[in-house]
Amino acid sequence: MSSSKRDYYEVLGVTRECSSDELRKAYRREALKHHPDRNQGDGAAEAKFKEVNEAYQVLSDDEKRRIYDQFGHAGLDGGAGGGFDGISDVFAHMQDLFTEMFSGSMGFGGGARPRRGGDLRVQQRLTLREAAFGCKREVSVRAPAACSDCGGSGAKAGTKPETCPQCRGAGQVSNARGFVMFTSTCPRCRGAGRVVKTPCPSCAGQGAVERTRKVNVTFPAGIDAGQRLRVPGQGMPGPHGAPAGDLYVEVDVENDARFERDGVDLVARAHVPFTDAALGAEMRVPALEPDAEDATLPLAIPAGTQSGAVFTMKGHGVPRLDGRGRGSLVVVVQVDVPTSLSPRAKELLAQLDEELRGGGTASGKRAASAK
């Protein structure tokens, strides 16, 4: 039977002088190419897949490779140093290979990709002025942070984590069922790919300790309530020194006594005496400006202005997030009617009423209209 077998180096497409790394890369390529899951119902591909695994099982073992190089297939079949161990060895090597191939993000790199730390979410309240024109704030974050004594590795100072012997650093273990590989998180290292034999006493091997820290966050001009900012790398630390997650800062904006915000527009309410509304007047209305707390703008109220009239002042609203100008200041007029009048004021209003009604006494007009 051995004479009919193809040369193992030929099966994997490598030279006899190839390194272990070149051998492994060739095996990955050929095994993936002929894997039964990709060639369902193809008997020839299944046979080649078994042949590739048998070749790799031999050549990846230093002792078996030495025997094969010296005696060929006959050396393995004849017991000159241990023969081929059968299909169980094939699947043992398959487990190592496909754990690497299909762990993480389907990459072909050696070992497991470190698990990224979790994200954190905090809320930060801003004033309307801060949200409109942007600001920098120190945001307090109470969460686990990388242990300074072990640098986040979880191992006592002077030691370091070791490759997990069960998954060989992959973070996952695979079990073969026929030609299908079932992969799960390694129970020993819990997916880290490394184990800590001597834990750091400061963090009990967790690599992180609870503490409050300050994170400088820049809030852009025009940000609004309900929006959030992402601060990369300021979230939960990753296990055993893996990259940290992100910090998400959710924005809340305080109510302002002078303005209501509507997107990029500001709404202000202006109280106007009814005489000014009737006769027209110049007045000043509140404005939101970056360089003045109590800024105002002039507004001309034309004669005959009614309560509820709206005046739009473009370019005096909230800056747009994209930097393309500002919204508008919308002024809503509220005409104030006096609630307490002196006798003289009542007399004058009666005369005004008479004039507006076109002559005759006001009381007479009202009496006539009531009949």
Protein backbone atom coordinates (compact mmCIF):
# COMPACT_ATOMS: atom_id res chain seq x y z
CA MET A 1 0.00 0.00 0.00
CA SER A 2 2.82 2.35 0.86
CA SER A 3 4.27 2.21 -2.66
CA SER A 4 1.07 3.64 -4.08
CA LYS A 5 1.10 6.65 -1.80
CA ARG A 6 2.15 10.02 -3.14
CA ASP A 7 5.15 11.74 -1.66
CA TYR A 8 4.03 13.75 1.37
CA TYR A 9 6.00 16.81 0.30
CA GLU A 10 4.34 16.63 -3.11
CA VAL A 11 0.91 16.33 -1.47
CA LEU A 12 1.46 19.58 0.42
CA GLY A 13 3.27 21.28 -2.44
CA VAL A 14 6.46 22.04 -0.51
CA THR A 15 10.14 21.18 -0.81
CA ARG A 16 11.99 18.83 1.52
CA GLU A 17 13.88 21.83 2.91
CA CYS A 18 10.72 23.71 3.89
CA SER A 19 10.46 25.20 7.36
CA SER A 20 7.75 24.36 9.89
CA ASP A 21 6.06 27.66 9.17
CA GLU A 22 6.03 27.01 5.41
CA LEU A 23 4.70 23.53 6.06
CA ARG A 24 1.89 24.88 8.20
CA LYS A 25 0.90 27.52 5.65
CA ALA A 26 0.82 24.89 2.92
CA TYR A 27 -1.37 22.66 5.05
CA ARG A 28 -3.80 25.49 5.71
CA ARG A 29 -4.08 26.19 2.01
CA GLU A 30 -4.59 22.58 0.92
CA ALA A 31 -6.87 21.59 3.80
CA LEU A 32 -9.15 24.55 3.21
CA LYS A 33 -9.16 23.90 -0.52
CA HIS A 34 -10.26 20.27 -0.18
CA HIS A 35 -12.36 20.50 2.99
CA PRO A 36 -15.57 18.41 2.64
CA ASP A 37 -17.73 21.31 3.84
CA ARG A 38 -16.66 23.20 0.74
CA ASN A 39 -16.89 20.20 -1.56
CA GLN A 40 -20.03 18.41 -0.45
CA GLY A 41 -20.64 15.19 -2.32
CA ASP A 42 -17.18 15.27 -3.96
CA GLY A 43 -15.49 11.97 -3.15
CA ALA A 44 -12.23 12.99 -4.78
CA ALA A 45 -11.96 16.12 -2.61
CA GLU A 46 -12.65 14.03 0.50
CA ALA A 47 -9.86 11.64 -0.43
CA LYS A 48 -7.43 14.51 -1.03
CA PHE A 49 -8.44 16.05 2.28
CA LYS A 50 -7.51 12.82 4.09
CA GLU A 51 -4.26 12.63 2.14
CA VAL A 52 -3.35 16.22 3.07
CA ASN A 53 -4.04 15.56 6.75
CA GLU A 54 -1.99 12.35 6.72
CA ALA A 55 0.94 14.14 5.11
CA TYR A 56 0.83 16.98 7.57
CA GLN A 57 0.46 14.63 10.55
CA VAL A 58 3.74 13.04 9.61
CA LEU A 59 5.76 16.03 8.46
CA SER A 60 4.73 18.26 11.35
CA ASP A 61 6.19 15.74 13.81
CA ASP A 62 9.98 16.15 13.92
CA GLU A 63 10.68 12.48 14.69
CA LYS A 64 8.25 11.11 12.09
CA ARG A 65 9.58 13.57 9.51
CA ARG A 66 13.15 12.39 10.18
CA ILE A 67 12.09 8.75 9.71
CA TYR A 68 10.10 9.59 6.57
CA ASP A 69 13.02 11.51 5.07
CA GLN A 70 15.30 8.51 5.69
CA PHE A 71 13.05 5.55 4.91
CA GLY A 72 10.02 6.97 3.09
CA HIS A 73 6.60 5.40 3.58
CA ALA A 74 8.21 2.05 4.37
CA GLY A 75 9.84 3.48 7.47
CA LEU A 76 6.50 4.56 8.88
CA ASP A 77 4.74 1.32 7.98
CA GLY A 78 7.60 -0.90 9.17
CA GLY A 79 7.86 0.41 12.71
CA ALA A 80 11.29 2.07 12.36
CA GLY A 81 10.44 4.62 14.94
CA GLY A 82 6.66 4.76 15.27
CA GLY A 83 4.17 4.58 12.48
CA PHE A 84 1.16 6.59 11.44
CA ASP A 85 -1.26 6.79 14.34
CA GLY A 86 -4.49 6.72 12.39
CA ILE A 87 -7.46 8.98 11.94
CA SER A 88 -7.44 10.21 15.55
CA ASP A 89 -4.10 11.92 14.92
CA VAL A 90 -5.48 13.47 11.76
CA PHE A 91 -8.27 15.11 13.71
CA ALA A 92 -5.91 16.20 16.46
CA HIS A 93 -3.96 18.21 13.89
CA MET A 94 -7.16 19.37 12.23
CA GLN A 95 -8.31 20.73 15.56
CA ASP A 96 -5.18 22.84 15.92
CA LEU A 97 -5.39 24.11 12.38
CA PHE A 98 -9.07 24.99 12.20
CA THR A 99 -9.06 26.55 15.64
CA GLU A 100 -6.57 29.03 14.23
CA MET A 101 -8.31 29.34 10.89
CA PHE A 102 -11.79 30.03 12.17
CA SER A 103 -11.23 31.77 15.49
CA GLY A 104 -11.56 35.53 15.70
CA SER A 105 -12.50 37.05 12.37
CA MET A 106 -11.67 34.16 10.05
CA GLY A 107 -8.03 35.26 9.95
CA PHE A 108 -5.12 32.92 9.40
CA GLY A 109 -2.79 34.46 11.95
CA GLY A 110 -1.28 32.38 14.75
CA GLY A 111 -3.08 32.39 18.09
CA ALA A 112 -6.31 33.98 19.20
CA ARG A 113 -7.18 37.59 18.64
CA PRO A 114 -7.26 39.33 22.04
CA ARG A 115 -10.74 40.07 23.23
CA ARG A 116 -11.50 43.77 23.22
CA GLY A 117 -12.72 45.36 26.43
CA GLY A 118 -16.35 46.35 26.89
CA ASP A 119 -17.76 49.80 26.16
CA LEU A 120 -18.78 52.29 28.84
CA ARG A 121 -21.61 54.84 28.77
CA VAL A 122 -21.82 58.00 30.85
CA GLN A 123 -24.06 61.06 30.68
CA GLN A 124 -22.82 64.63 30.68
CA ARG A 125 -25.03 67.68 31.14
CA LEU A 126 -24.10 70.88 29.28
CA THR A 127 -25.50 74.38 29.32
CA LEU A 128 -27.14 75.65 26.16
CA ARG A 129 -24.14 77.91 25.54
CA GLU A 130 -21.67 75.01 25.93
CA ALA A 131 -23.67 72.83 23.57
CA ALA A 132 -24.08 75.63 21.03
CA PHE A 133 -20.47 76.79 20.83
CA GLY A 134 -18.63 73.65 21.98
CA CYS A 135 -16.47 73.08 25.03
CA LYS A 136 -13.94 70.79 26.65
CA ARG A 137 -14.94 69.04 29.84
CA GLU A 138 -13.42 66.54 32.21
CA VAL A 139 -15.84 63.63 32.44
CA SER A 140 -15.69 61.43 35.54
CA VAL A 141 -15.72 57.71 34.82
CA ARG A 142 -16.06 55.14 37.60
CA ALA A 143 -15.12 51.80 36.14
CA PRO A 144 -12.42 49.14 36.09
CA ALA A 145 -9.08 50.38 34.81
CA ALA A 146 -5.89 48.55 33.89
CA CYS A 147 -3.97 47.54 36.99
CA SER A 148 -0.82 49.64 37.27
CA ASP A 149 1.10 46.94 39.12
CA CYS A 150 0.81 44.30 36.42
CA GLY A 151 0.15 46.53 33.42
CA GLY A 152 -3.19 44.82 32.86
CA SER A 153 -1.72 41.36 32.31
CA GLY A 154 -3.09 39.92 35.54
CA ALA A 155 0.27 38.30 36.30
CA LYS A 156 2.39 39.17 39.33
CA ALA A 157 5.23 41.60 38.68
CA GLY A 158 8.23 39.71 37.34
CA THR A 159 6.07 37.01 35.78
CA LYS A 160 3.90 36.88 32.69
CA PRO A 161 0.90 34.90 31.45
CA GLU A 162 1.62 31.63 29.73
CA THR A 163 0.07 30.12 26.63
CA CYS A 164 -2.95 28.04 27.55
CA PRO A 165 -1.92 24.38 27.23
CA GLN A 166 -5.44 23.24 26.38
CA CYS A 167 -6.13 25.48 23.39
CA ARG A 168 -2.48 26.32 22.65
CA GLY A 169 -3.23 30.02 22.68
CA ALA A 170 -6.17 29.88 20.27
CA GLY A 171 -8.79 30.73 22.89
CA GLN A 172 -11.06 28.10 21.37
CA VAL A 173 -11.15 24.35 21.21
CA SER A 174 -12.62 22.25 18.43
CA ASN A 175 -14.12 18.80 18.36
CA ALA A 176 -14.51 16.79 15.18
CA ARG A 177 -17.79 15.13 14.32
CA GLY A 178 -17.14 13.33 11.07
CA PHE A 179 -15.77 16.02 8.82
CA VAL A 180 -17.44 18.89 10.67
CA MET A 181 -15.52 20.86 13.28
CA PHE A 182 -17.44 22.21 16.28
CA THR A 183 -15.66 25.13 17.95
CA SER A 184 -16.29 26.50 21.42
CA THR A 185 -14.57 28.81 23.91
CA CYS A 186 -11.70 27.15 25.74
CA PRO A 187 -12.97 26.24 29.24
CA ARG A 188 -9.55 26.64 30.82
CA CYS A 189 -8.57 30.13 29.70
CA ARG A 190 -12.13 31.28 28.88
CA GLY A 191 -11.10 32.45 25.44
CA ALA A 192 -8.06 34.49 26.52
CA GLY A 193 -5.56 32.06 25.03
CA ARG A 194 -3.36 32.57 28.09
CA VAL A 195 -3.41 31.49 31.71
CA VAL A 196 -1.97 33.24 34.74
CA LYS A 197 -0.13 30.91 37.09
CA THR A 198 0.93 33.59 39.58
CA PRO A 199 -1.83 36.21 39.84
CA CYS A 200 -1.10 39.84 40.61
CA PRO A 201 -2.06 40.48 44.27
CA SER A 202 -3.34 43.99 43.53
CA CYS A 203 -6.02 42.89 41.06
CA ALA A 204 -6.31 39.18 41.96
CA GLY A 205 -5.27 38.26 38.44
CA GLN A 206 -8.10 40.20 36.79
CA GLY A 207 -5.81 42.78 35.22
CA ALA A 208 -8.10 45.63 36.30
CA VAL A 209 -9.12 47.49 39.45
CA GLU A 210 -12.11 49.74 40.14
CA ARG A 211 -11.28 53.44 40.23
CA THR A 212 -12.55 56.87 39.28
CA ARG A 213 -10.69 58.61 36.50
CA LYS A 214 -11.07 61.75 34.47
CA VAL A 215 -11.39 61.69 30.71
CA ASN A 216 -11.00 64.88 28.68
CA VAL A 217 -13.84 65.10 26.19
CA THR A 218 -14.25 67.71 23.46
CA PHE A 219 -17.88 68.54 22.68
CA PRO A 220 -18.27 70.04 19.20
CA ALA A 221 -20.25 73.19 18.55
CA GLY A 222 -23.88 72.44 17.75
CA ILE A 223 -24.22 69.19 19.68
CA ASP A 224 -27.74 68.57 21.00
CA ALA A 225 -29.43 66.62 23.75
CA GLY A 226 -29.77 62.92 22.97
CA GLN A 227 -26.64 62.80 20.84
CA ARG A 228 -23.53 60.98 21.98
CA LEU A 229 -19.80 61.08 21.45
CA ARG A 230 -17.45 58.12 21.13
CA VAL A 231 -14.07 58.37 22.83
CA PRO A 232 -11.95 55.45 21.51
CA GLY A 233 -9.95 53.39 23.97
CA GLN A 234 -11.45 54.90 27.13
CA GLY A 235 -13.86 52.09 27.95
CA MET A 236 -13.35 48.90 29.91
CA PRO A 237 -9.83 47.47 29.76
CA GLY A 238 -9.46 44.28 27.75
CA PRO A 239 -8.61 41.06 29.57
CA HIS A 240 -4.93 40.40 30.14
CA GLY A 241 -3.74 43.52 28.39
CA ALA A 242 -6.05 43.32 25.36
CA PRO A 243 -7.26 46.62 23.79
CA ALA A 244 -9.74 48.65 25.81
CA GLY A 245 -13.29 49.33 24.68
CA ASP A 246 -14.74 52.76 23.91
CA LEU A 247 -16.39 55.39 26.08
CA TYR A 248 -19.75 56.74 24.90
CA VAL A 249 -20.76 60.10 26.35
CA GLU A 250 -24.48 60.80 26.09
CA VAL A 251 -25.29 64.52 26.03
CA ASP A 252 -28.00 66.23 28.05
CA VAL A 253 -28.62 69.98 27.73
CA GLU A 254 -29.98 72.13 30.57
CA ASN A 255 -33.10 74.22 30.05
CA ASP A 256 -32.34 77.87 29.42
CA ALA A 257 -34.41 80.71 30.87
CA ARG A 258 -34.16 82.83 27.72
CA PHE A 259 -34.36 80.36 24.85
CA GLU A 260 -36.00 77.21 23.64
CA ARG A 261 -33.99 75.16 21.19
CA ASP A 262 -35.52 73.68 18.05
CA GLY A 263 -32.73 71.90 16.19
CA VAL A 264 -30.40 74.67 15.01
CA ASP A 265 -32.97 77.40 15.69
CA LEU A 266 -33.49 79.28 18.93
CA VAL A 267 -36.90 80.53 20.01
CA ALA A 268 -37.17 83.62 22.24
CA ARG A 269 -40.34 85.26 23.52
CA ALA A 270 -40.46 89.06 23.54
CA HIS A 271 -42.96 90.89 25.73
CA VAL A 272 -44.16 94.07 24.03
CA PRO A 273 -46.41 96.76 25.65
CA PHE A 274 -49.64 97.08 23.73
CA THR A 275 -48.86 100.73 22.98
CA ASP A 276 -45.57 99.72 21.31
CA ALA A 277 -47.36 97.00 19.42
CA ALA A 278 -49.92 99.52 18.22
CA LEU A 279 -47.57 102.39 17.45
CA GLY A 280 -44.44 100.47 16.53
CA ALA A 281 -41.14 100.61 18.38
CA GLU A 282 -37.50 99.64 18.48
CA MET A 283 -36.62 97.05 21.10
CA ARG A 284 -33.81 94.68 21.99
CA VAL A 285 -34.24 90.93 22.18
CA PRO A 286 -31.98 88.34 23.87
CA ALA A 287 -29.31 86.69 21.72
CA LEU A 288 -26.97 83.75 22.26
CA GLU A 289 -23.41 84.74 21.47
CA PRO A 290 -20.10 83.07 22.40
CA ASP A 291 -18.46 86.19 23.83
CA ALA A 292 -21.27 87.71 25.93
CA GLU A 293 -23.51 86.25 28.61
CA ASP A 294 -26.37 88.76 28.17
CA ALA A 295 -26.08 89.68 24.51
CA THR A 296 -29.02 91.38 22.81
CA LEU A 297 -29.98 92.29 19.26
CA PRO A 298 -32.09 95.20 17.98
CA LEU A 299 -35.51 94.37 16.59
CA ALA A 300 -37.93 96.77 14.91
CA ILE A 301 -41.56 96.18 15.89
CA PRO A 302 -43.83 97.62 13.18
CA ALA A 303 -47.03 99.43 14.09
CA GLY A 304 -50.01 97.14 14.45
CA THR A 305 -48.03 94.10 15.53
CA GLN A 306 -50.33 91.42 16.90
CA SER A 307 -49.64 89.06 19.78
CA GLY A 308 -48.12 85.83 18.43
CA ALA A 309 -46.33 87.56 15.54
CA VAL A 310 -43.06 85.88 14.59
CA PHE A 311 -39.85 87.59 13.52
CA THR A 312 -36.95 85.52 12.16
CA MET A 313 -33.38 86.71 12.52
CA LYS A 314 -31.17 84.50 10.37
CA GLY A 315 -27.67 83.54 11.44
CA HIS A 316 -28.25 84.01 15.15
CA GLY A 317 -29.23 80.50 16.09
CA VAL A 318 -27.12 77.46 17.00
CA PRO A 319 -24.04 76.62 14.90
CA ARG A 320 -24.52 73.59 12.68
CA LEU A 321 -22.55 70.48 13.52
CA ASP A 322 -21.09 70.40 10.01
CA GLY A 323 -19.79 73.95 10.44
CA ARG A 324 -21.98 75.37 7.70
CA GLY A 325 -23.28 78.48 9.41
CA ARG A 326 -25.88 78.93 12.12
CA GLY A 327 -29.61 78.54 12.41
CA SER A 328 -32.05 81.37 13.09
CA LEU A 329 -33.25 83.25 16.13
CA VAL A 330 -37.04 83.13 16.07
CA VAL A 331 -38.69 85.87 18.13
CA VAL A 332 -42.32 85.34 19.12
CA VAL A 333 -44.06 88.53 20.20
CA GLN A 334 -46.37 88.54 23.17
CA VAL A 335 -48.36 91.77 23.52
CA ASP A 336 -48.86 92.61 27.20
CA VAL A 337 -52.23 94.07 28.18
CA PRO A 338 -52.19 95.94 31.51
CA THR A 339 -54.23 94.32 34.25
CA SER A 340 -54.42 97.37 36.53
CA LEU A 341 -55.38 100.87 35.27
CA SER A 342 -55.53 104.22 36.99
CA PRO A 343 -58.63 106.38 36.51
CA ARG A 344 -56.68 108.63 34.15
CA ALA A 345 -55.52 105.63 32.11
CA LYS A 346 -59.09 104.37 31.86
CA GLU A 347 -60.25 107.78 30.67
CA LEU A 348 -57.59 107.90 28.01
CA LEU A 349 -58.39 104.38 26.85
CA ALA A 350 -62.05 105.27 26.60
CA GLN A 351 -61.16 108.23 24.41
CA LEU A 352 -58.94 105.97 22.31
CA ASP A 353 -61.74 103.46 21.97
CA GLU A 354 -64.09 106.25 20.86
CA GLU A 355 -61.58 107.42 18.30
CA LEU A 356 -60.99 103.96 16.95
CA ARG A 357 -64.69 103.29 16.63
CA GLY A 358 -65.18 106.40 14.54
CA GLY A 359 -66.90 108.86 16.90
CA GLY A 360 -69.68 108.72 19.54
CA THR A 361 -69.23 107.60 23.08
CA ALA A 362 -67.71 104.29 23.71
CA SER A 363 -70.45 103.31 26.13
CA GLY A 364 -73.10 104.29 23.59
CA LYS A 365 -71.45 102.18 20.89
CA ARG A 366 -71.21 99.21 23.20
CA ALA A 367 -74.84 99.62 24.24
CA ALA A 368 -75.99 99.81 20.62
CA SER A 369 -74.06 96.71 19.67
CA ALA A 370 -75.64 94.85 22.59
CA LYS A 371 -79.23 95.53 21.43
